[in-house]
Structures are given as C-alpha cells and as structure tokens.
Amino acid sequence: MGTYAVTGSASGMGRSASEWLRANGHRVIGIDLHDADVIADLSTASGRARASAAVLAVAAHRLDGAVLAAGVGPTPGPDRPRLILETNYRGVVELASAWQTALAATGNAKVVVVSSNSATTVPMVPQRAVRALMSDDVDAALRSLRPFRRAAPAMAYAASKIAVSRWVRRQAVTPQWAGRGIRLNALAPGAVMTPLLQKQLATPREAKAIRGFPVPIGGYGDPERLAEWIVFMLSDAADFLCGSVVFVDGGSDAYFRSDHWPAAPTWMQAPRYLWRFRRFGARD
C-alpha cells in the first residue's frame, strides 16, 4: 500500500479522494486549514513551507503520489484575488516541487492537480496575469487584474487555473518529472457540488450566473464521482498518462471549444523530428 499527500483534504474532492484512498488501504497525509494531519494555510509562504516539510517528515521522504486539490473560489472580496493566486497556483507548484524527490524515490509515483474548466471557458482572461504567475510574480499578476474591478476574483481564478494547467503540461514531460518515473496530470472539473459551490448557490447574484452556464448534460458534478477519477489517475492503469488535462465537466468545455482541439501544430511550432514529414513525407 502507498503513501499519498492530499491538500484540501477536509472537504470537497480532496476529502472524497482521501476517503477513497484510505478505504483501499493506503496511508493519506491530509493538509488543510482544519481537520487534517497537517494544518497549514497554503495562501502564505510560511504555510506552504510548513506543509511541504511536515509531509516529507511524516512520509520519511517517500511518496507514492499526491493530490493537490486545495483551492479558493472566485467569490467577491477586495483581498480575494491575491488569496486565489497564492493558493491555486503557488499552493500547487511549490508543494509539488518540494515533494519531487520524495515522489521520485518510489519509482512510479502519480500526481494529480485539480484544475478547472474555467481554464478554457472563461473569456477575456488577461494573458499578462497568466505569464506573470508562471514567472512567479503574483504582484504583477494582480496589477493586470485591477481593470476588471468586481470581476477581478473571477479573472484571478481562471488565470490561476490556466497557469497551473500549463505548468503541469510543461513540467510533466521533463527529465525531472517523467524522466524520474513521476506521472504528473491535471483533472479539470466543471461545477462540482462542494461546500464552495453550495455557498455560491446561496448568493442570488452568483447563483444566477452559475445556473445560466451551459452544462450539456445538466446538473452538477458529484465530489465522490470526481474522486474516482482522481483515484484512477493515481493507479497503475494511468502509467501511460502524462501531461494530460482531463475534462470532467458535463460537456461544457466541448460546448465552447468543439473545434479548438485537437489541432495540429504549425510547422514553426512542430518539434524538430516532425520536419521530416515535410521534407521527405511520412516514413516508417
């Protein structure tokens, strides 16, 4: 049986994933603001450092996997954008990076980052904010969000999910991750009936926007069913899954982007080995 670190383990998908893992005999080290093995605030540098160090100590520097499910939603508030960016981006990247050697020590570790279909369905997200996050400059990202005013939390949330999904895609295929036997992937849910969504639905203004969002199959996701996807992505069946962003959102991403993907790269974007198709034609 394995040892897994799970952020956001006290509620929602993190809690459901923790319960699934424990029910299957695995050891879970939960991280959250309360009701967890490690109590830490991932919106602060000190909290992230404490969480990463505590997990390594408890796990004796060996992890079979990790689920990075902690996140802050786009509810209104003047301080909300910073909280969102710090938790949703740095709370993933810093912990995953700190645990990398412990994950490599087991030889076949799996990491699942909980992203969101907001990464592809929210319009007008400033790319400057995304680029700033990926350069680890939260202050610059916040400056790019100021013109959005009341919509800044929603833009911050989407930017954080775009950035963390791109981080997963970029890092997953590198020698430091894939080359060391670590499979790094992301799950991108739509609206899931977590305590966060329940809180939003209790606010008339937010509830109207949520209910008006296209979900082709209707309804909301179930945290327990989403946890089953997470557990699958941690299993041996996912050995060949690397750098994927898996959408489980009732069809919303497909509704908005039916023709955006798959898309072949341009020749300028194509890897060097693909140039032979242009020069000589496809050959076995």
Protein backbone atom coordinates (compact mmCIF):
# COMPACT_ATOMS: atom_id res chain seq x y z
CA MET A 1 0.00 0.00 0.00
CA GLY A 2 1.16 3.52 -0.73
CA THR A 3 1.55 6.85 0.99
CA TYR A 4 -0.23 9.86 -0.50
CA ALA A 5 -0.30 13.56 0.34
CA VAL A 6 -3.65 15.29 -0.26
CA THR A 7 -4.17 19.04 0.01
CA GLY A 8 -7.69 20.30 0.65
CA SER A 9 -8.38 17.02 2.44
CA ALA A 10 -11.06 18.39 4.81
CA SER A 11 -13.78 18.97 2.21
CA GLY A 12 -14.94 18.53 -1.36
CA MET A 13 -12.93 16.46 -3.81
CA GLY A 14 -9.89 16.36 -1.54
CA ARG A 15 -11.91 14.79 1.23
CA SER A 16 -13.59 12.30 -1.08
CA ALA A 17 -10.26 11.30 -2.63
CA SER A 18 -8.76 10.84 0.84
CA GLU A 19 -11.64 8.59 1.86
CA TRP A 20 -11.28 6.51 -1.29
CA LEU A 21 -7.54 6.07 -0.78
CA ARG A 22 -7.91 5.12 2.88
CA ALA A 23 -10.72 2.68 2.04
CA ASN A 24 -8.31 0.95 -0.33
CA GLY A 25 -5.68 0.58 2.38
CA HIS A 26 -3.43 3.50 1.54
CA ARG A 27 -1.92 5.94 4.00
CA VAL A 28 -3.09 9.53 3.50
CA ILE A 29 -1.39 12.62 4.86
CA GLY A 30 -4.07 15.31 4.66
CA ILE A 31 -3.30 19.03 4.50
CA ASP A 32 -5.92 21.68 5.18
CA LEU A 33 -6.85 24.64 7.36
CA HIS A 34 -8.60 22.33 9.83
CA ASP A 35 -9.43 18.66 10.43
CA ALA A 36 -6.24 17.44 8.78
CA ASP A 37 -2.99 15.69 9.63
CA VAL A 38 -1.09 18.84 8.70
CA ILE A 39 -2.75 22.17 9.49
CA ALA A 40 -1.44 24.83 7.12
CA ASP A 41 -2.59 27.90 5.21
CA LEU A 42 -1.42 27.40 1.63
CA SER A 43 -2.12 31.04 0.78
CA THR A 44 1.03 32.04 2.70
CA ALA A 45 4.68 31.27 2.04
CA SER A 46 5.17 30.10 5.62
CA GLY A 47 2.13 27.83 5.42
CA ARG A 48 3.33 26.25 2.19
CA ALA A 49 6.80 25.71 3.62
CA ARG A 50 5.36 24.17 6.77
CA ALA A 51 3.06 21.87 4.81
CA SER A 52 5.74 20.63 2.44
CA ALA A 53 8.23 19.98 5.25
CA ALA A 54 5.69 18.29 7.51
CA VAL A 55 4.59 15.88 4.80
CA LEU A 56 8.17 14.92 3.99
CA ALA A 57 8.86 14.26 7.66
CA VAL A 58 5.74 12.13 8.17
CA ALA A 59 6.30 10.22 4.92
CA ALA A 60 10.01 9.68 5.62
CA HIS A 61 10.78 11.33 2.27
CA ARG A 62 8.93 8.70 0.20
CA LEU A 63 5.61 9.42 -1.51
CA ASP A 64 3.69 7.18 -3.88
CA GLY A 65 1.60 10.08 -5.02
CA ALA A 66 -0.06 13.39 -4.29
CA VAL A 67 -3.39 15.07 -4.89
CA LEU A 68 -3.28 18.85 -4.98
CA ALA A 69 -6.94 19.69 -4.51
CA ALA A 70 -6.81 22.74 -2.22
CA GLY A 71 -8.23 25.81 -3.88
CA VAL A 72 -10.00 29.11 -3.38
CA GLY A 73 -13.02 30.00 -5.49
CA PRO A 74 -13.93 33.27 -7.26
CA THR A 75 -16.21 34.70 -4.58
CA PRO A 76 -16.22 38.52 -4.27
CA GLY A 77 -13.93 40.47 -1.98
CA PRO A 78 -11.13 43.05 -2.28
CA ASP A 79 -8.44 40.67 -0.99
CA ARG A 80 -9.77 37.67 -2.85
CA PRO A 81 -7.58 37.85 -5.99
CA ARG A 82 -4.32 37.53 -4.02
CA LEU A 83 -5.76 34.69 -1.93
CA ILE A 84 -6.80 32.89 -5.11
CA LEU A 85 -3.46 33.27 -6.88
CA GLU A 86 -1.37 32.32 -3.86
CA THR A 87 -3.44 29.23 -3.07
CA ASN A 88 -4.39 27.96 -6.50
CA TYR A 89 -1.03 28.48 -8.18
CA ARG A 90 1.72 28.67 -5.60
CA GLY A 91 -0.11 26.21 -3.35
CA VAL A 92 0.28 23.65 -6.13
CA VAL A 93 3.63 24.47 -7.70
CA GLU A 94 5.63 24.98 -4.52
CA LEU A 95 4.37 21.83 -2.80
CA ALA A 96 4.67 19.60 -5.84
CA SER A 97 8.20 20.86 -6.45
CA ALA A 98 9.17 20.37 -2.81
CA TRP A 99 7.91 16.78 -2.91
CA GLN A 100 9.53 15.90 -6.24
CA THR A 101 12.49 13.98 -4.80
CA ALA A 102 10.23 12.04 -2.41
CA LEU A 103 7.97 11.13 -5.34
CA ALA A 104 10.94 10.04 -7.45
CA ALA A 105 12.15 7.80 -4.61
CA THR A 106 9.27 5.36 -5.14
CA GLY A 107 9.93 4.95 -8.87
CA ASN A 108 6.34 5.10 -10.16
CA ALA A 109 4.57 7.98 -8.42
CA LYS A 110 1.46 9.75 -9.66
CA VAL A 111 0.48 13.38 -9.03
CA VAL A 112 -2.98 14.78 -9.76
CA VAL A 113 -3.52 18.53 -9.78
CA VAL A 114 -7.12 19.71 -9.58
CA SER A 115 -7.52 22.39 -12.23
CA SER A 116 -10.86 23.60 -13.65
CA ASN A 117 -12.72 24.02 -16.91
CA SER A 118 -12.53 27.75 -16.11
CA ALA A 119 -9.13 27.50 -17.79
CA THR A 120 -10.90 27.17 -21.16
CA THR A 121 -14.41 28.55 -20.71
CA VAL A 122 -13.88 31.99 -19.12
CA PRO A 123 -13.39 34.73 -21.76
CA MET A 124 -11.09 37.77 -21.60
CA VAL A 125 -8.63 36.33 -19.07
CA PRO A 126 -5.56 38.60 -19.27
CA GLN A 127 -2.61 36.63 -20.57
CA ARG A 128 -0.33 39.04 -18.73
CA ALA A 129 -1.67 37.61 -15.49
CA VAL A 130 -1.01 34.06 -16.65
CA ARG A 131 2.52 34.89 -17.79
CA ALA A 132 3.23 36.72 -14.54
CA LEU A 133 2.08 33.73 -12.49
CA MET A 134 4.25 31.37 -14.48
CA SER A 135 7.15 33.71 -13.75
CA ASP A 136 6.19 33.50 -10.06
CA ASP A 137 5.31 37.21 -9.93
CA VAL A 138 1.98 37.38 -8.12
CA ASP A 139 2.20 41.16 -7.70
CA ALA A 140 2.48 41.68 -11.46
CA ALA A 141 -0.46 39.32 -11.99
CA LEU A 142 -2.55 41.32 -9.53
CA ARG A 143 -1.72 44.58 -11.31
CA SER A 144 -3.01 43.15 -14.59
CA LEU A 145 -6.30 42.26 -12.87
CA ARG A 146 -7.05 45.74 -11.47
CA PRO A 147 -9.00 46.98 -14.52
CA PHE A 148 -11.55 44.19 -14.01
CA ARG A 149 -12.62 45.57 -10.62
CA ARG A 150 -15.57 43.48 -9.38
CA ALA A 151 -14.76 40.76 -11.89
CA ALA A 152 -11.16 40.52 -10.67
CA PRO A 153 -11.77 37.40 -8.49
CA ALA A 154 -13.27 35.52 -11.45
CA MET A 155 -10.36 36.56 -13.67
CA ALA A 156 -7.87 35.60 -10.95
CA TYR A 157 -9.47 32.19 -10.59
CA ALA A 158 -9.39 31.46 -14.33
CA ALA A 159 -5.83 32.80 -14.64
CA SER A 160 -4.68 30.60 -11.76
CA LYS A 161 -6.18 27.51 -13.40
CA ILE A 162 -4.71 28.33 -16.82
CA ALA A 163 -1.29 28.87 -15.28
CA VAL A 164 -1.34 25.72 -13.17
CA SER A 165 -2.55 23.62 -16.13
CA ARG A 166 0.26 24.96 -18.31
CA TRP A 167 2.73 24.32 -15.51
CA VAL A 168 1.56 20.70 -15.39
CA ARG A 169 1.87 20.33 -19.17
CA ARG A 170 5.33 21.86 -19.29
CA GLN A 171 6.77 20.05 -16.31
CA ALA A 172 5.20 16.63 -16.83
CA VAL A 173 7.33 15.76 -19.86
CA THR A 174 10.68 16.87 -18.47
CA PRO A 175 13.51 14.64 -17.24
CA GLN A 176 12.84 15.94 -13.72
CA TRP A 177 9.30 14.50 -13.75
CA ALA A 178 8.63 11.91 -16.47
CA GLY A 179 12.30 11.02 -16.55
CA ARG A 180 12.22 10.16 -12.84
CA GLY A 181 9.13 7.99 -13.08
CA ILE A 182 6.62 10.60 -11.88
CA ARG A 183 3.36 10.94 -13.80
CA LEU A 184 2.04 14.48 -13.48
CA ASN A 185 -1.51 15.19 -14.74
CA ALA A 186 -4.44 17.51 -14.09
CA LEU A 187 -8.15 16.96 -13.64
CA ALA A 188 -10.36 19.80 -14.88
CA PRO A 189 -13.84 19.57 -13.36
CA GLY A 190 -16.77 21.81 -14.05
CA ALA A 191 -19.18 22.87 -11.32
CA VAL A 192 -18.98 20.26 -8.56
CA MET A 193 -21.31 20.26 -5.57
CA THR A 194 -18.67 21.14 -3.00
CA PRO A 195 -19.15 23.45 0.02
CA LEU A 196 -17.77 26.26 -2.17
CA LEU A 197 -20.45 25.75 -4.83
CA GLN A 198 -23.15 25.46 -2.18
CA LYS A 199 -22.05 28.82 -0.79
CA GLN A 200 -22.14 30.39 -4.25
CA LEU A 201 -25.61 29.00 -4.97
CA ALA A 202 -26.84 30.56 -1.74
CA THR A 203 -25.94 34.03 -3.12
CA PRO A 204 -28.59 35.15 -5.65
CA ARG A 205 -26.22 37.04 -7.94
CA GLU A 206 -23.71 34.20 -8.13
CA ALA A 207 -26.42 31.55 -8.33
CA LYS A 208 -27.94 33.22 -11.40
CA ALA A 209 -24.59 33.20 -13.21
CA ILE A 210 -23.87 29.58 -12.27
CA ARG A 211 -27.28 28.31 -13.32
CA GLY A 212 -27.02 30.16 -16.63
CA PHE A 213 -23.71 28.48 -17.53
CA PRO A 214 -24.08 25.82 -20.26
CA VAL A 215 -23.70 22.24 -18.99
CA PRO A 216 -24.94 20.00 -21.82
CA ILE A 217 -25.80 17.02 -19.60
CA GLY A 218 -27.24 19.31 -16.89
CA GLY A 219 -26.72 19.39 -13.15
CA TYR A 220 -23.51 19.48 -11.13
CA GLY A 221 -20.66 17.09 -10.54
CA ASP A 222 -20.56 14.76 -7.53
CA PRO A 223 -17.37 15.03 -5.41
CA GLU A 224 -17.33 11.27 -4.85
CA ARG A 225 -17.52 10.54 -8.57
CA LEU A 226 -14.76 13.06 -9.25
CA ALA A 227 -12.70 11.36 -6.55
CA GLU A 228 -12.98 8.13 -8.53
CA TRP A 229 -11.30 9.89 -11.45
CA ILE A 230 -8.53 11.06 -9.14
CA VAL A 231 -8.01 7.56 -7.78
CA PHE A 232 -7.88 6.19 -11.34
CA MET A 233 -5.25 8.79 -12.26
CA LEU A 234 -3.20 7.59 -9.28
CA SER A 235 -3.48 3.94 -10.25
CA ASP A 236 -1.27 1.66 -12.34
CA ALA A 237 -3.84 1.98 -15.13
CA ALA A 238 -2.59 5.57 -15.57
CA ASP A 239 1.06 4.63 -16.12
CA PHE A 240 0.88 5.96 -19.71
CA LEU A 241 -0.95 9.15 -18.74
CA CYS A 242 1.49 12.06 -18.74
CA GLY A 243 0.88 15.80 -19.02
CA SER A 244 -2.84 15.39 -19.66
CA VAL A 245 -5.60 17.77 -18.59
CA VAL A 246 -8.71 15.61 -18.27
CA PHE A 247 -12.03 17.48 -18.50
CA VAL A 248 -14.87 16.04 -16.43
CA ASP A 249 -17.35 18.88 -16.69
CA GLY A 250 -20.63 17.68 -18.15
CA GLY A 251 -19.61 18.77 -21.65
CA SER A 252 -19.05 22.50 -21.05
CA ASP A 253 -15.53 22.59 -22.49
CA ALA A 254 -16.70 20.73 -25.60
CA TYR A 255 -19.71 23.07 -25.89
CA PHE A 256 -17.48 26.15 -26.05
CA ARG A 257 -14.47 24.68 -27.85
CA SER A 258 -15.67 21.87 -30.09
CA ASP A 259 -13.25 22.80 -32.91
CA HIS A 260 -10.36 24.23 -30.90
CA TRP A 261 -8.76 20.88 -30.09
CA PRO A 262 -7.33 18.61 -31.36
CA ALA A 263 -5.36 20.92 -33.59
CA ALA A 264 -2.16 20.12 -35.45
CA PRO A 265 0.82 22.36 -34.67
CA THR A 266 2.07 24.77 -37.28
CA TRP A 267 5.43 23.94 -38.80
CA MET A 268 7.01 26.66 -36.73
CA GLN A 269 5.61 25.04 -33.58
CA ALA A 270 6.33 21.44 -34.53
CA PRO A 271 9.14 19.54 -32.82
CA ARG A 272 12.30 19.11 -34.87
CA TYR A 273 11.69 15.42 -35.60
CA LEU A 274 8.40 16.26 -37.37
CA TRP A 275 10.19 18.28 -40.01
CA ARG A 276 11.00 15.04 -41.84
CA PHE A 277 7.30 14.73 -42.74
CA ARG A 278 7.54 18.00 -44.60
CA ARG A 279 10.87 17.27 -46.26
CA PHE A 280 10.55 13.59 -47.10
CA GLY A 281 6.97 12.57 -46.38
CA ALA A 282 5.91 10.15 -43.65
CA ARG A 283 8.10 7.04 -43.46
CA ASP A 284 8.13 4.02 -41.18
